C-alpha cells in the first residue's frame, strides 16, 4: 500500500516504513509524531482512491528519530549569482534549506 501526499508545495510517494526528508514545518519541539492530512492518492492494494483534491478522512502518520528538534537537517548550500555585464555589478546570495527527517508509520484511509 502506498500514498501520495502533499507537504510544503511538494508531492511525495510514500510507503509504510520509508524514511524521507520533508520541508520544515512548525511542530512542537518535543513532538514524537506528525500527521500529514493532505493525502492526494491511496493505492497499491487493488482499491485505488483519488482525492478531489484531497481524500476526506485520510492521513499519514510519521514519526521522528527522537524529537522534532533532533530531526532537523540541512540541505546543500546553494548560491545564487546576479551579474550585470559591463555595469561593474555582481551579487552572490546563499541559501540552505532545512528539512525534517521522518519515518512513515501508518497510512490510514
N, C-alpha and C. Protein backbone atom coordinates (compact mmCIF):
# COMPACT_ATOMS: atom_id res chain seq x y z
N UNK A 1 0.84 -1.17 0.00
CA UNK A 1 0.00 0.00 0.00
C UNK A 1 0.89 1.24 0.00
N UNK A 2 0.53 2.23 -0.81
CA UNK A 2 1.28 3.46 -0.86
C UNK A 2 0.32 4.63 -0.95
N UNK A 3 0.86 5.82 -0.71
CA UNK A 3 0.05 7.03 -0.77
C UNK A 3 0.88 8.15 -1.40
N UNK A 4 0.20 9.10 -1.99
CA UNK A 4 0.83 10.30 -2.50
C UNK A 4 0.34 11.43 -1.60
N UNK A 5 1.29 12.12 -0.96
CA UNK A 5 0.94 13.20 -0.04
C UNK A 5 1.53 14.50 -0.54
N UNK A 6 0.95 15.59 -0.07
CA UNK A 6 1.46 16.92 -0.39
C UNK A 6 1.95 17.56 0.90
N UNK A 7 3.18 18.02 0.89
CA UNK A 7 3.76 18.66 2.06
C UNK A 7 4.70 19.75 1.58
N UNK A 8 4.44 20.99 1.97
CA UNK A 8 5.32 22.09 1.62
C UNK A 8 5.40 22.34 0.13
N UNK A 9 4.29 22.29 -0.58
CA UNK A 9 4.17 22.51 -2.02
C UNK A 9 4.92 21.46 -2.85
N UNK A 10 5.26 20.33 -2.24
CA UNK A 10 5.86 19.22 -2.97
C UNK A 10 5.02 17.98 -2.73
N UNK A 11 5.08 17.04 -3.67
CA UNK A 11 4.34 15.80 -3.55
C UNK A 11 5.32 14.63 -3.39
N UNK A 12 4.98 13.71 -2.49
CA UNK A 12 5.84 12.57 -2.19
C UNK A 12 5.01 11.29 -2.31
N UNK A 13 5.61 10.26 -2.91
CA UNK A 13 5.01 8.92 -2.92
C UNK A 13 5.64 8.16 -1.77
N UNK A 14 4.82 7.74 -0.80
CA UNK A 14 5.34 7.13 0.42
C UNK A 14 4.73 5.75 0.65
N UNK A 15 5.50 4.88 1.29
CA UNK A 15 5.02 3.58 1.74
C UNK A 15 5.35 3.46 3.22
N UNK A 16 4.74 2.52 3.89
CA UNK A 16 4.99 2.33 5.32
C UNK A 16 6.42 1.85 5.53
N UNK A 17 7.09 2.43 6.52
CA UNK A 17 8.46 2.08 6.84
C UNK A 17 9.50 2.89 6.08
N UNK A 18 9.08 3.72 5.16
CA UNK A 18 10.01 4.51 4.35
C UNK A 18 10.49 5.73 5.13
N UNK A 19 11.76 6.09 4.93
CA UNK A 19 12.32 7.29 5.54
C UNK A 19 12.49 8.35 4.45
N UNK A 20 12.10 9.58 4.77
CA UNK A 20 12.24 10.65 3.80
C UNK A 20 12.44 11.98 4.52
N UNK A 21 12.84 12.98 3.75
CA UNK A 21 13.02 14.33 4.26
C UNK A 21 11.94 15.21 3.68
N UNK A 22 11.17 15.86 4.56
CA UNK A 22 10.14 16.79 4.11
C UNK A 22 10.56 18.19 4.53
N UNK A 23 9.94 19.20 3.93
CA UNK A 23 10.27 20.57 4.28
C UNK A 23 9.91 20.85 5.74
N UNK A 24 10.69 21.69 6.36
CA UNK A 24 10.49 22.02 7.76
C UNK A 24 9.16 22.74 7.95
N UNK A 25 8.37 22.26 8.89
CA UNK A 25 7.09 22.88 9.23
C UNK A 25 7.08 23.18 10.72
N UNK A 26 6.10 23.94 11.15
CA UNK A 26 6.02 24.28 12.57
C UNK A 26 5.45 23.09 13.34
N UNK A 27 6.28 22.50 14.19
CA UNK A 27 5.92 21.35 15.02
C UNK A 27 6.45 21.64 16.42
N UNK A 28 5.74 21.16 17.42
CA UNK A 28 6.22 21.33 18.79
C UNK A 28 7.59 20.67 18.94
N UNK A 29 8.53 21.31 19.63
CA UNK A 29 9.89 20.76 19.72
C UNK A 29 9.98 19.39 20.38
N UNK A 30 9.02 19.04 21.26
CA UNK A 30 9.07 17.74 21.93
C UNK A 30 8.12 16.73 21.30
N UNK A 31 7.60 17.00 20.11
CA UNK A 31 6.66 16.10 19.44
C UNK A 31 7.37 14.83 18.98
N UNK A 32 6.65 13.71 18.99
CA UNK A 32 7.20 12.43 18.55
C UNK A 32 6.69 12.04 17.17
N UNK A 33 5.46 12.49 16.82
CA UNK A 33 4.86 12.14 15.53
C UNK A 33 4.28 13.39 14.88
N UNK A 34 3.99 13.25 13.59
CA UNK A 34 3.34 14.31 12.83
C UNK A 34 2.28 13.66 11.95
N UNK A 35 1.14 14.33 11.81
CA UNK A 35 0.05 13.85 10.97
C UNK A 35 0.04 14.64 9.69
N UNK A 36 0.09 13.94 8.56
CA UNK A 36 0.05 14.58 7.25
C UNK A 36 -1.33 14.33 6.66
N UNK A 37 -2.15 15.38 6.61
CA UNK A 37 -3.56 15.23 6.22
C UNK A 37 -3.81 15.44 4.74
N UNK A 38 -2.87 16.00 4.02
CA UNK A 38 -3.08 16.28 2.60
C UNK A 38 -2.71 15.07 1.76
N UNK A 39 -3.61 14.08 1.75
CA UNK A 39 -3.39 12.84 1.00
C UNK A 39 -4.12 12.97 -0.33
N UNK A 40 -3.36 12.85 -1.43
CA UNK A 40 -3.92 13.00 -2.77
C UNK A 40 -4.38 11.68 -3.38
N UNK A 41 -3.69 10.59 -3.03
CA UNK A 41 -3.97 9.30 -3.67
C UNK A 41 -3.56 8.18 -2.72
N UNK A 42 -4.37 7.14 -2.67
CA UNK A 42 -4.02 5.91 -1.94
C UNK A 42 -4.23 4.75 -2.90
N UNK A 43 -3.24 3.88 -3.00
CA UNK A 43 -3.36 2.76 -3.92
C UNK A 43 -2.41 1.65 -3.56
N UNK A 44 -2.39 0.63 -4.43
CA UNK A 44 -1.47 -0.47 -4.26
C UNK A 44 -2.11 -1.75 -3.76
N UNK A 45 -3.32 -1.69 -3.23
CA UNK A 45 -3.98 -2.90 -2.72
C UNK A 45 -5.16 -3.30 -3.60
N UNK A 46 -5.21 -2.80 -4.84
CA UNK A 46 -6.31 -3.12 -5.74
C UNK A 46 -7.48 -2.18 -5.61
N UNK A 47 -7.51 -1.38 -4.56
CA UNK A 47 -8.60 -0.42 -4.34
C UNK A 47 -8.00 0.98 -4.32
N UNK A 48 -7.87 1.59 -5.50
CA UNK A 48 -7.26 2.91 -5.61
C UNK A 48 -8.28 3.99 -5.31
N UNK A 49 -7.84 5.00 -4.55
CA UNK A 49 -8.71 6.14 -4.22
C UNK A 49 -8.00 7.42 -4.61
N UNK A 50 -8.72 8.29 -5.31
CA UNK A 50 -8.17 9.56 -5.76
C UNK A 50 -8.96 10.67 -5.10
N UNK A 51 -8.28 11.69 -4.58
CA UNK A 51 -8.94 12.80 -3.92
C UNK A 51 -9.29 13.91 -4.89
N UNK A 52 -10.16 14.82 -4.42
CA UNK A 52 -10.60 15.95 -5.24
C UNK A 52 -10.49 17.23 -4.44
N UNK A 53 -9.40 17.84 -4.14
CA UNK A 53 -8.04 17.41 -4.41
C UNK A 53 -7.48 16.47 -3.34
N UNK A 54 -8.09 16.45 -2.13
CA UNK A 54 -7.60 15.57 -1.06
C UNK A 54 -8.66 14.53 -0.71
N UNK A 55 -8.23 13.41 -0.15
CA UNK A 55 -9.14 12.35 0.28
C UNK A 55 -9.65 12.70 1.67
N UNK A 56 -10.97 12.70 1.83
CA UNK A 56 -11.59 13.02 3.12
C UNK A 56 -11.27 11.94 4.14
N UNK A 57 -10.79 12.34 5.31
CA UNK A 57 -10.52 11.42 6.41
C UNK A 57 -9.25 10.62 6.30
N UNK A 58 -8.51 10.76 5.22
CA UNK A 58 -7.26 10.01 5.07
C UNK A 58 -6.12 10.80 5.70
N UNK A 59 -5.16 10.06 6.27
CA UNK A 59 -3.99 10.70 6.84
C UNK A 59 -2.83 9.73 6.86
N UNK A 60 -1.64 10.30 6.91
CA UNK A 60 -0.41 9.53 7.00
C UNK A 60 0.26 9.96 8.30
N UNK A 61 0.60 8.98 9.13
CA UNK A 61 1.25 9.27 10.41
C UNK A 61 2.73 8.94 10.27
N UNK A 62 3.56 9.93 10.60
CA UNK A 62 5.00 9.78 10.50
C UNK A 62 5.63 10.10 11.86
N UNK A 63 6.75 9.46 12.15
CA UNK A 63 7.43 9.70 13.43
C UNK A 63 8.83 10.25 13.16
N UNK A 64 9.38 10.90 14.17
CA UNK A 64 10.72 11.45 14.09
C UNK A 64 11.71 10.46 14.69
N UNK A 65 13.00 10.68 14.45
CA UNK A 65 14.03 9.82 15.03
C UNK A 65 13.99 9.89 16.54
N UNK A 66 14.07 11.09 17.10
CA UNK A 66 13.96 11.30 18.54
C UNK A 66 12.80 12.24 18.77
N UNK A 67 13.11 13.52 18.88
CA UNK A 67 12.09 14.56 18.93
C UNK A 67 12.17 15.36 17.63
N UNK A 68 11.23 16.27 17.47
CA UNK A 68 11.22 17.07 16.24
C UNK A 68 12.46 17.95 16.14
N UNK A 69 12.93 18.46 17.27
CA UNK A 69 14.12 19.32 17.25
C UNK A 69 15.37 18.55 16.84
N UNK A 70 15.44 17.26 17.18
CA UNK A 70 16.60 16.45 16.82
C UNK A 70 16.57 15.99 15.37
N UNK A 71 15.40 16.04 14.72
CA UNK A 71 15.25 15.53 13.37
C UNK A 71 15.47 16.57 12.29
N UNK A 72 15.80 17.79 12.66
CA UNK A 72 16.03 18.84 11.68
C UNK A 72 17.41 18.65 11.06
N UNK A 73 17.45 18.60 9.72
CA UNK A 73 18.71 18.51 8.99
C UNK A 73 18.78 19.64 7.99
N UNK A 74 19.97 19.88 7.46
CA UNK A 74 20.16 20.95 6.49
C UNK A 74 20.51 20.34 5.14
N UNK A 75 19.97 20.93 4.10
CA UNK A 75 20.27 20.50 2.74
C UNK A 75 21.57 21.12 2.26
N UNK A 76 21.89 20.95 0.98
CA UNK A 76 23.13 21.51 0.45
C UNK A 76 23.05 23.03 0.33
N UNK A 77 24.20 23.68 0.41
CA UNK A 77 24.27 25.13 0.28
C UNK A 77 24.16 25.47 -1.20
N UNK A 78 23.24 26.36 -1.53
CA UNK A 78 23.04 26.81 -2.90
C UNK A 78 23.43 28.27 -3.00
N UNK A 79 24.06 28.63 -4.10
CA UNK A 79 24.47 30.01 -4.32
C UNK A 79 23.76 30.56 -5.55
N UNK A 80 23.15 31.73 -5.39
CA UNK A 80 22.51 32.42 -6.49
C UNK A 80 23.38 33.62 -6.82
N UNK A 81 23.76 33.76 -8.08
CA UNK A 81 24.62 34.86 -8.50
C UNK A 81 23.85 35.74 -9.47
N UNK A 82 23.83 37.03 -9.18
CA UNK A 82 23.25 38.01 -10.10
C UNK A 82 24.39 38.82 -10.68
N UNK A 83 24.44 38.90 -11.98
CA UNK A 83 25.55 39.54 -12.66
C UNK A 83 25.02 40.39 -13.80
N UNK A 84 25.45 41.64 -13.86
CA UNK A 84 25.10 42.53 -14.96
C UNK A 84 26.37 42.86 -15.71
N UNK A 85 26.43 42.51 -16.95
CA UNK A 85 27.66 42.72 -17.70
C UNK A 85 27.90 44.21 -17.97
N UNK A 86 29.13 44.58 -17.95
CA UNK A 86 29.61 45.93 -18.23
C UNK A 86 29.05 46.99 -17.27
N UNK A 87 28.52 46.62 -16.14
CA UNK A 87 27.97 47.57 -15.18
C UNK A 87 28.74 47.57 -13.86
N UNK A 88 29.76 46.71 -13.74
CA UNK A 88 30.52 46.55 -12.52
C UNK A 88 29.58 46.21 -11.35
N UNK A 89 28.62 45.33 -11.61
CA UNK A 89 27.62 44.95 -10.62
C UNK A 89 27.56 43.43 -10.53
N UNK A 90 27.76 42.92 -9.34
CA UNK A 90 27.73 41.48 -9.13
C UNK A 90 27.27 41.22 -7.70
N UNK A 91 26.41 40.21 -7.53
CA UNK A 91 25.88 39.91 -6.20
C UNK A 91 25.77 38.40 -6.04
N UNK A 92 26.16 37.90 -4.88
CA UNK A 92 26.10 36.46 -4.61
C UNK A 92 25.33 36.25 -3.31
N UNK A 93 24.28 35.42 -3.40
CA UNK A 93 23.41 35.15 -2.26
C UNK A 93 23.41 33.65 -2.00
N UNK A 94 23.51 33.25 -0.74
CA UNK A 94 23.49 31.83 -0.38
C UNK A 94 22.17 31.45 0.26
N UNK A 95 21.79 30.17 0.10
CA UNK A 95 20.56 29.65 0.70
C UNK A 95 20.80 28.21 1.10
N UNK A 96 20.30 27.84 2.28
CA UNK A 96 20.39 26.46 2.75
C UNK A 96 19.06 26.07 3.37
N UNK A 97 18.36 25.12 2.74
CA UNK A 97 17.04 24.69 3.16
C UNK A 97 17.14 23.74 4.34
N UNK A 98 16.19 23.85 5.27
CA UNK A 98 16.11 22.92 6.41
C UNK A 98 15.02 21.89 6.14
N UNK A 99 15.26 20.66 6.57
CA UNK A 99 14.34 19.55 6.36
C UNK A 99 14.08 18.82 7.67
N UNK A 100 12.96 18.08 7.71
CA UNK A 100 12.65 17.17 8.81
C UNK A 100 12.81 15.75 8.31
N UNK A 101 13.57 14.93 9.02
CA UNK A 101 13.70 13.53 8.68
C UNK A 101 12.60 12.76 9.40
N UNK A 102 11.74 12.08 8.64
CA UNK A 102 10.62 11.35 9.21
C UNK A 102 10.61 9.92 8.68
N UNK A 103 9.96 9.04 9.43
CA UNK A 103 9.71 7.66 9.03
C UNK A 103 8.21 7.47 8.97
N UNK A 104 7.71 6.95 7.87
CA UNK A 104 6.27 6.74 7.69
C UNK A 104 5.86 5.51 8.49
N UNK A 105 4.95 5.70 9.46
CA UNK A 105 4.50 4.61 10.31
C UNK A 105 3.22 3.96 9.80
N UNK A 106 2.25 4.77 9.42
CA UNK A 106 0.93 4.23 9.12
C UNK A 106 0.25 5.08 8.06
N UNK A 107 -0.44 4.42 7.15
CA UNK A 107 -1.27 5.08 6.14
C UNK A 107 -2.71 4.71 6.43
N UNK A 108 -3.52 5.70 6.79
CA UNK A 108 -4.93 5.46 7.12
C UNK A 108 -5.80 6.10 6.05
N UNK A 109 -6.83 5.39 5.67
CA UNK A 109 -7.74 5.98 4.70
C UNK A 109 -8.56 4.94 4.09
